[in-house]
Amino acid sequence: MIGEPAPSERNVSASQRGRGRERREESRVEVDPETLDIVSTAAKQKQVEVLMKIYWGDPREKLCEAIDKIPLSCLIVGNRGLSKLKRVLLGSVSNYLVNNGSCPVTVVKTP
């Protein structure tokens, strides 16, 4: 799967559109067949539907947008285990999603 960047090009001039396409083509993501196989196998075993998408931009905003657009019944995210100081300075994506997401969010902490 190759994801398309989320921003719309409706309000962008023709010259800006051309630059955006070049940037998109340079930043294409290669599919890792092993990862897709692992996810597909686990989804079949657990009888769940897994949707994989790639969004470009601020992860907090893009994940909240995805929750509303797809729509998701729940979201499971990881936690990098930042220190309190780093969390305050950088912001925690998982914390933002728990407080602002429109669906239930489960945070999985790293061991």
N, C-alpha and C. Protein backbone atom coordinates (compact mmCIF):
# COMPACT_ATOMS: atom_id res chain seq x y z
N MET A 1 0.84 -1.18 0.00
CA MET A 1 0.00 0.00 0.00
C MET A 1 0.88 1.24 0.00
N ILE A 2 0.51 2.17 -0.79
CA ILE A 2 1.20 3.45 -0.76
C ILE A 2 0.18 4.50 -0.42
N GLY A 3 0.45 5.27 0.62
CA GLY A 3 -0.51 6.26 1.10
C GLY A 3 -0.35 7.59 0.39
N GLU A 4 -1.43 8.25 0.20
CA GLU A 4 -1.42 9.59 -0.37
C GLU A 4 -1.46 10.60 0.76
N PRO A 5 -0.73 11.68 0.63
CA PRO A 5 -0.81 12.72 1.66
C PRO A 5 -2.23 13.25 1.76
N ALA A 6 -2.64 13.58 2.97
CA ALA A 6 -4.01 13.98 3.23
C ALA A 6 -4.38 15.37 2.72
N PRO A 7 -3.46 16.37 2.71
CA PRO A 7 -3.89 17.72 2.34
C PRO A 7 -4.50 17.78 0.94
N SER A 8 -5.56 18.55 0.83
CA SER A 8 -6.24 18.72 -0.45
C SER A 8 -5.49 19.72 -1.31
N GLU A 9 -5.60 19.58 -2.63
CA GLU A 9 -4.94 20.52 -3.53
C GLU A 9 -5.94 21.52 -4.11
N ARG A 10 -7.16 21.57 -3.61
CA ARG A 10 -8.17 22.45 -4.19
C ARG A 10 -7.78 23.91 -4.14
N ASN A 11 -7.18 24.37 -3.07
CA ASN A 11 -6.87 25.79 -2.91
C ASN A 11 -5.40 26.10 -3.15
N VAL A 12 -4.75 25.32 -4.01
CA VAL A 12 -3.33 25.48 -4.26
C VAL A 12 -3.14 25.88 -5.71
N SER A 13 -2.23 26.83 -5.96
CA SER A 13 -1.98 27.28 -7.33
C SER A 13 -1.31 26.17 -8.13
N ALA A 14 -1.31 26.31 -9.46
CA ALA A 14 -0.76 25.28 -10.34
C ALA A 14 0.73 25.07 -10.07
N SER A 15 1.48 26.15 -9.84
CA SER A 15 2.92 25.98 -9.59
C SER A 15 3.16 25.27 -8.27
N GLN A 16 2.35 25.56 -7.27
CA GLN A 16 2.49 24.89 -5.98
C GLN A 16 2.09 23.42 -6.10
N ARG A 17 1.07 23.14 -6.93
CA ARG A 17 0.62 21.77 -7.13
C ARG A 17 1.75 20.92 -7.71
N GLY A 18 2.47 21.46 -8.68
CA GLY A 18 3.58 20.74 -9.29
C GLY A 18 4.66 20.40 -8.28
N ARG A 19 5.00 21.37 -7.42
CA ARG A 19 6.02 21.13 -6.39
C ARG A 19 5.54 20.07 -5.42
N GLY A 20 4.26 20.08 -5.09
CA GLY A 20 3.71 19.10 -4.16
C GLY A 20 3.80 17.69 -4.72
N ARG A 21 3.53 17.54 -6.03
CA ARG A 21 3.62 16.22 -6.64
C ARG A 21 5.05 15.69 -6.59
N GLU A 22 6.01 16.58 -6.88
CA GLU A 22 7.40 16.15 -6.84
C GLU A 22 7.75 15.67 -5.44
N ARG A 23 7.33 16.42 -4.44
CA ARG A 23 7.61 16.07 -3.06
C ARG A 23 6.96 14.73 -2.72
N ARG A 24 5.72 14.53 -3.16
CA ARG A 24 5.01 13.28 -2.88
C ARG A 24 5.73 12.09 -3.48
N GLU A 25 6.17 12.23 -4.75
CA GLU A 25 6.84 11.12 -5.40
C GLU A 25 8.15 10.78 -4.71
N GLU A 26 8.87 11.80 -4.23
CA GLU A 26 10.11 11.56 -3.52
C GLU A 26 9.87 10.87 -2.19
N SER A 27 8.74 11.12 -1.57
CA SER A 27 8.49 10.59 -0.23
C SER A 27 7.60 9.36 -0.25
N ARG A 28 7.50 8.69 -1.36
CA ARG A 28 6.71 7.46 -1.43
C ARG A 28 7.26 6.45 -0.43
N VAL A 29 6.39 5.67 0.13
CA VAL A 29 6.77 4.68 1.12
C VAL A 29 6.75 3.31 0.48
N GLU A 30 7.82 2.57 0.66
CA GLU A 30 7.89 1.22 0.13
C GLU A 30 7.14 0.26 1.06
N VAL A 31 6.45 -0.68 0.47
CA VAL A 31 5.69 -1.66 1.23
C VAL A 31 6.64 -2.75 1.71
N ASP A 32 6.52 -3.12 2.97
CA ASP A 32 7.31 -4.22 3.52
C ASP A 32 6.41 -5.46 3.54
N PRO A 33 6.64 -6.40 2.62
CA PRO A 33 5.75 -7.57 2.52
C PRO A 33 5.68 -8.37 3.81
N GLU A 34 6.78 -8.45 4.54
CA GLU A 34 6.78 -9.21 5.80
C GLU A 34 5.84 -8.59 6.82
N THR A 35 5.87 -7.26 6.93
CA THR A 35 4.98 -6.56 7.86
C THR A 35 3.53 -6.76 7.47
N LEU A 36 3.22 -6.63 6.18
CA LEU A 36 1.85 -6.83 5.72
C LEU A 36 1.38 -8.25 6.00
N ASP A 37 2.26 -9.23 5.82
CA ASP A 37 1.90 -10.63 6.07
C ASP A 37 1.61 -10.85 7.55
N ILE A 38 2.44 -10.28 8.43
CA ILE A 38 2.24 -10.43 9.87
C ILE A 38 0.90 -9.82 10.29
N VAL A 39 0.62 -8.61 9.81
CA VAL A 39 -0.62 -7.94 10.16
C VAL A 39 -1.82 -8.70 9.61
N SER A 40 -1.73 -9.14 8.37
CA SER A 40 -2.83 -9.87 7.73
C SER A 40 -3.12 -11.18 8.47
N THR A 41 -2.08 -11.92 8.82
CA THR A 41 -2.25 -13.18 9.53
C THR A 41 -2.88 -12.96 10.90
N ALA A 42 -2.38 -11.98 11.64
CA ALA A 42 -2.93 -11.69 12.97
C ALA A 42 -4.39 -11.26 12.88
N ALA A 43 -4.72 -10.46 11.87
CA ALA A 43 -6.10 -9.99 11.71
C ALA A 43 -7.05 -11.16 11.42
N LYS A 44 -6.61 -12.09 10.57
CA LYS A 44 -7.44 -13.25 10.27
C LYS A 44 -7.65 -14.13 11.49
N GLN A 45 -6.56 -14.33 12.27
CA GLN A 45 -6.66 -15.17 13.46
C GLN A 45 -7.60 -14.56 14.51
N LYS A 46 -7.55 -13.25 14.66
CA LYS A 46 -8.36 -12.56 15.67
C LYS A 46 -9.72 -12.13 15.12
N GLN A 47 -9.94 -12.36 13.82
CA GLN A 47 -11.18 -11.99 13.15
C GLN A 47 -11.51 -10.51 13.33
N VAL A 48 -10.51 -9.67 13.04
CA VAL A 48 -10.69 -8.22 13.10
C VAL A 48 -10.30 -7.63 11.76
N GLU A 49 -10.80 -6.46 11.50
CA GLU A 49 -10.46 -5.75 10.27
C GLU A 49 -9.39 -4.73 10.59
N VAL A 50 -8.30 -4.77 9.85
CA VAL A 50 -7.19 -3.85 10.05
C VAL A 50 -7.09 -2.96 8.83
N LEU A 51 -7.01 -1.67 9.05
CA LEU A 51 -6.89 -0.70 7.97
C LEU A 51 -5.56 0.01 8.12
N MET A 52 -4.75 -0.04 7.08
CA MET A 52 -3.44 0.61 7.13
C MET A 52 -3.46 1.80 6.18
N LYS A 53 -3.16 2.97 6.72
CA LYS A 53 -3.08 4.18 5.91
C LYS A 53 -1.87 4.98 6.33
N ILE A 54 -1.39 5.81 5.42
CA ILE A 54 -0.26 6.67 5.73
C ILE A 54 -0.71 8.11 5.55
N TYR A 55 -0.49 8.92 6.56
CA TYR A 55 -0.82 10.34 6.52
C TYR A 55 0.44 11.14 6.76
N TRP A 56 0.54 12.30 6.14
CA TRP A 56 1.67 13.19 6.31
C TRP A 56 1.23 14.41 7.11
N GLY A 57 2.00 14.82 8.09
CA GLY A 57 1.69 16.01 8.88
C GLY A 57 1.79 15.72 10.36
N ASP A 58 1.20 16.59 11.15
CA ASP A 58 1.21 16.45 12.60
C ASP A 58 0.41 15.20 12.98
N PRO A 59 1.04 14.23 13.62
CA PRO A 59 0.34 12.98 13.91
C PRO A 59 -0.90 13.14 14.78
N ARG A 60 -0.89 14.11 15.69
CA ARG A 60 -2.07 14.31 16.55
C ARG A 60 -3.27 14.71 15.71
N GLU A 61 -3.07 15.69 14.84
CA GLU A 61 -4.17 16.18 14.00
C GLU A 61 -4.61 15.12 12.99
N LYS A 62 -3.64 14.48 12.35
CA LYS A 62 -3.96 13.51 11.30
C LYS A 62 -4.69 12.29 11.86
N LEU A 63 -4.30 11.82 13.05
CA LEU A 63 -4.99 10.68 13.64
C LEU A 63 -6.41 11.05 14.05
N CYS A 64 -6.61 12.25 14.59
CA CYS A 64 -7.97 12.69 14.93
C CYS A 64 -8.83 12.82 13.67
N GLU A 65 -8.24 13.33 12.58
CA GLU A 65 -8.96 13.41 11.31
C GLU A 65 -9.34 12.00 10.83
N ALA A 66 -8.39 11.06 10.93
CA ALA A 66 -8.64 9.70 10.47
C ALA A 66 -9.76 9.04 11.25
N ILE A 67 -9.81 9.28 12.56
CA ILE A 67 -10.86 8.71 13.39
C ILE A 67 -12.23 9.12 12.86
N ASP A 68 -12.34 10.39 12.46
CA ASP A 68 -13.62 10.91 11.98
C ASP A 68 -13.92 10.49 10.54
N LYS A 69 -12.90 10.45 9.68
CA LYS A 69 -13.11 10.16 8.26
C LYS A 69 -13.39 8.69 7.99
N ILE A 70 -12.76 7.80 8.72
CA ILE A 70 -12.82 6.39 8.33
C ILE A 70 -14.17 5.75 8.60
N PRO A 71 -14.96 5.91 9.55
CA PRO A 71 -14.77 6.21 10.97
C PRO A 71 -14.30 4.97 11.72
N LEU A 72 -13.60 5.18 12.81
CA LEU A 72 -13.07 4.08 13.61
C LEU A 72 -13.94 3.83 14.83
N SER A 73 -14.08 2.57 15.19
CA SER A 73 -14.83 2.24 16.40
C SER A 73 -13.90 2.27 17.61
N CYS A 74 -12.60 2.06 17.38
CA CYS A 74 -11.61 2.20 18.45
C CYS A 74 -10.24 2.39 17.81
N LEU A 75 -9.30 2.87 18.60
CA LEU A 75 -7.95 3.11 18.12
C LEU A 75 -6.98 2.60 19.17
N ILE A 76 -5.97 1.86 18.73
CA ILE A 76 -4.94 1.37 19.63
C ILE A 76 -3.62 2.00 19.20
N VAL A 77 -2.96 2.68 20.13
CA VAL A 77 -1.70 3.36 19.84
C VAL A 77 -0.64 2.93 20.84
N GLY A 78 0.60 3.07 20.44
CA GLY A 78 1.72 2.76 21.33
C GLY A 78 2.16 3.99 22.09
N ASN A 79 2.98 3.75 23.09
CA ASN A 79 3.53 4.81 23.92
C ASN A 79 5.03 4.61 23.95
N ARG A 80 5.79 5.65 23.57
CA ARG A 80 7.24 5.52 23.52
C ARG A 80 7.87 5.60 24.90
N GLY A 81 7.12 5.97 25.90
CA GLY A 81 7.66 6.05 27.25
C GLY A 81 8.57 7.24 27.47
N LEU A 82 8.17 8.39 26.95
CA LEU A 82 8.97 9.60 27.14
C LEU A 82 8.97 10.00 28.62
N SER A 83 10.05 10.67 29.00
CA SER A 83 10.08 11.19 30.37
C SER A 83 9.06 12.32 30.48
N LYS A 84 8.74 12.70 31.71
CA LYS A 84 7.75 13.75 31.91
C LYS A 84 8.19 15.06 31.26
N LEU A 85 9.48 15.37 31.35
CA LEU A 85 9.99 16.61 30.76
C LEU A 85 9.85 16.59 29.24
N LYS A 86 10.26 15.50 28.60
CA LYS A 86 10.13 15.40 27.14
C LYS A 86 8.67 15.44 26.72
N ARG A 87 7.80 14.80 27.49
CA ARG A 87 6.37 14.79 27.17
C ARG A 87 5.81 16.21 27.20
N VAL A 88 6.26 17.00 28.19
CA VAL A 88 5.80 18.39 28.30
C VAL A 88 6.33 19.21 27.13
N LEU A 89 7.59 19.02 26.76
CA LEU A 89 8.20 19.80 25.69
C LEU A 89 7.73 19.37 24.30
N LEU A 90 7.69 18.07 24.06
CA LEU A 90 7.34 17.55 22.74
C LEU A 90 5.85 17.31 22.57
N GLY A 91 5.17 17.06 23.67
CA GLY A 91 3.76 16.70 23.59
C GLY A 91 3.62 15.21 23.35
N SER A 92 2.61 14.63 23.91
CA SER A 92 2.37 13.20 23.77
C SER A 92 1.22 12.97 22.80
N VAL A 93 1.49 12.26 21.72
CA VAL A 93 0.45 11.96 20.73
C VAL A 93 -0.63 11.12 21.38
N SER A 94 -0.22 10.09 22.13
CA SER A 94 -1.22 9.21 22.75
C SER A 94 -2.09 9.98 23.75
N ASN A 95 -1.49 10.85 24.53
CA ASN A 95 -2.27 11.65 25.48
C ASN A 95 -3.25 12.57 24.76
N TYR A 96 -2.82 13.17 23.67
CA TYR A 96 -3.68 14.05 22.88
C TYR A 96 -4.87 13.26 22.34
N LEU A 97 -4.60 12.05 21.83
CA LEU A 97 -5.67 11.23 21.26
C LEU A 97 -6.67 10.79 22.33
N VAL A 98 -6.17 10.43 23.50
CA VAL A 98 -7.07 10.03 24.59
C VAL A 98 -8.01 11.17 24.94
N ASN A 99 -7.49 12.39 24.95
CA ASN A 99 -8.30 13.55 25.35
C ASN A 99 -9.12 14.18 24.24
N ASN A 100 -8.72 13.98 22.98
CA ASN A 100 -9.39 14.67 21.87
C ASN A 100 -10.02 13.75 20.83
N GLY A 101 -9.70 12.46 20.87
CA GLY A 101 -10.25 11.53 19.88
C GLY A 101 -11.74 11.32 20.10
N SER A 102 -12.45 11.08 19.01
CA SER A 102 -13.90 10.90 19.10
C SER A 102 -14.30 9.42 19.23
N CYS A 103 -13.31 8.54 19.43
CA CYS A 103 -13.60 7.13 19.67
C CYS A 103 -12.74 6.67 20.85
N PRO A 104 -13.05 5.51 21.43
CA PRO A 104 -12.22 5.01 22.52
C PRO A 104 -10.78 4.77 22.04
N VAL A 105 -9.80 5.19 22.85
CA VAL A 105 -8.38 5.05 22.52
C VAL A 105 -7.72 4.20 23.60
N THR A 106 -7.02 3.16 23.18
CA THR A 106 -6.27 2.31 24.10
C THR A 106 -4.79 2.58 23.87
N VAL A 107 -4.06 2.87 24.94
CA VAL A 107 -2.63 3.13 24.85
C VAL A 107 -1.88 1.91 25.37
N VAL A 108 -0.99 1.36 24.54
CA VAL A 108 -0.20 0.20 24.90
C VAL A 108 1.19 0.69 25.24
N LYS A 109 1.61 0.47 26.49
CA LYS A 109 2.94 0.90 26.92
C LYS A 109 3.99 -0.12 26.53
N THR A 110 5.17 0.38 26.21
CA THR A 110 6.28 -0.52 25.89
C THR A 110 6.79 -1.14 27.19
N PRO A 111 7.25 -2.39 27.13
CA PRO A 111 7.73 -3.06 28.36
C PRO A 111 9.01 -2.44 28.89
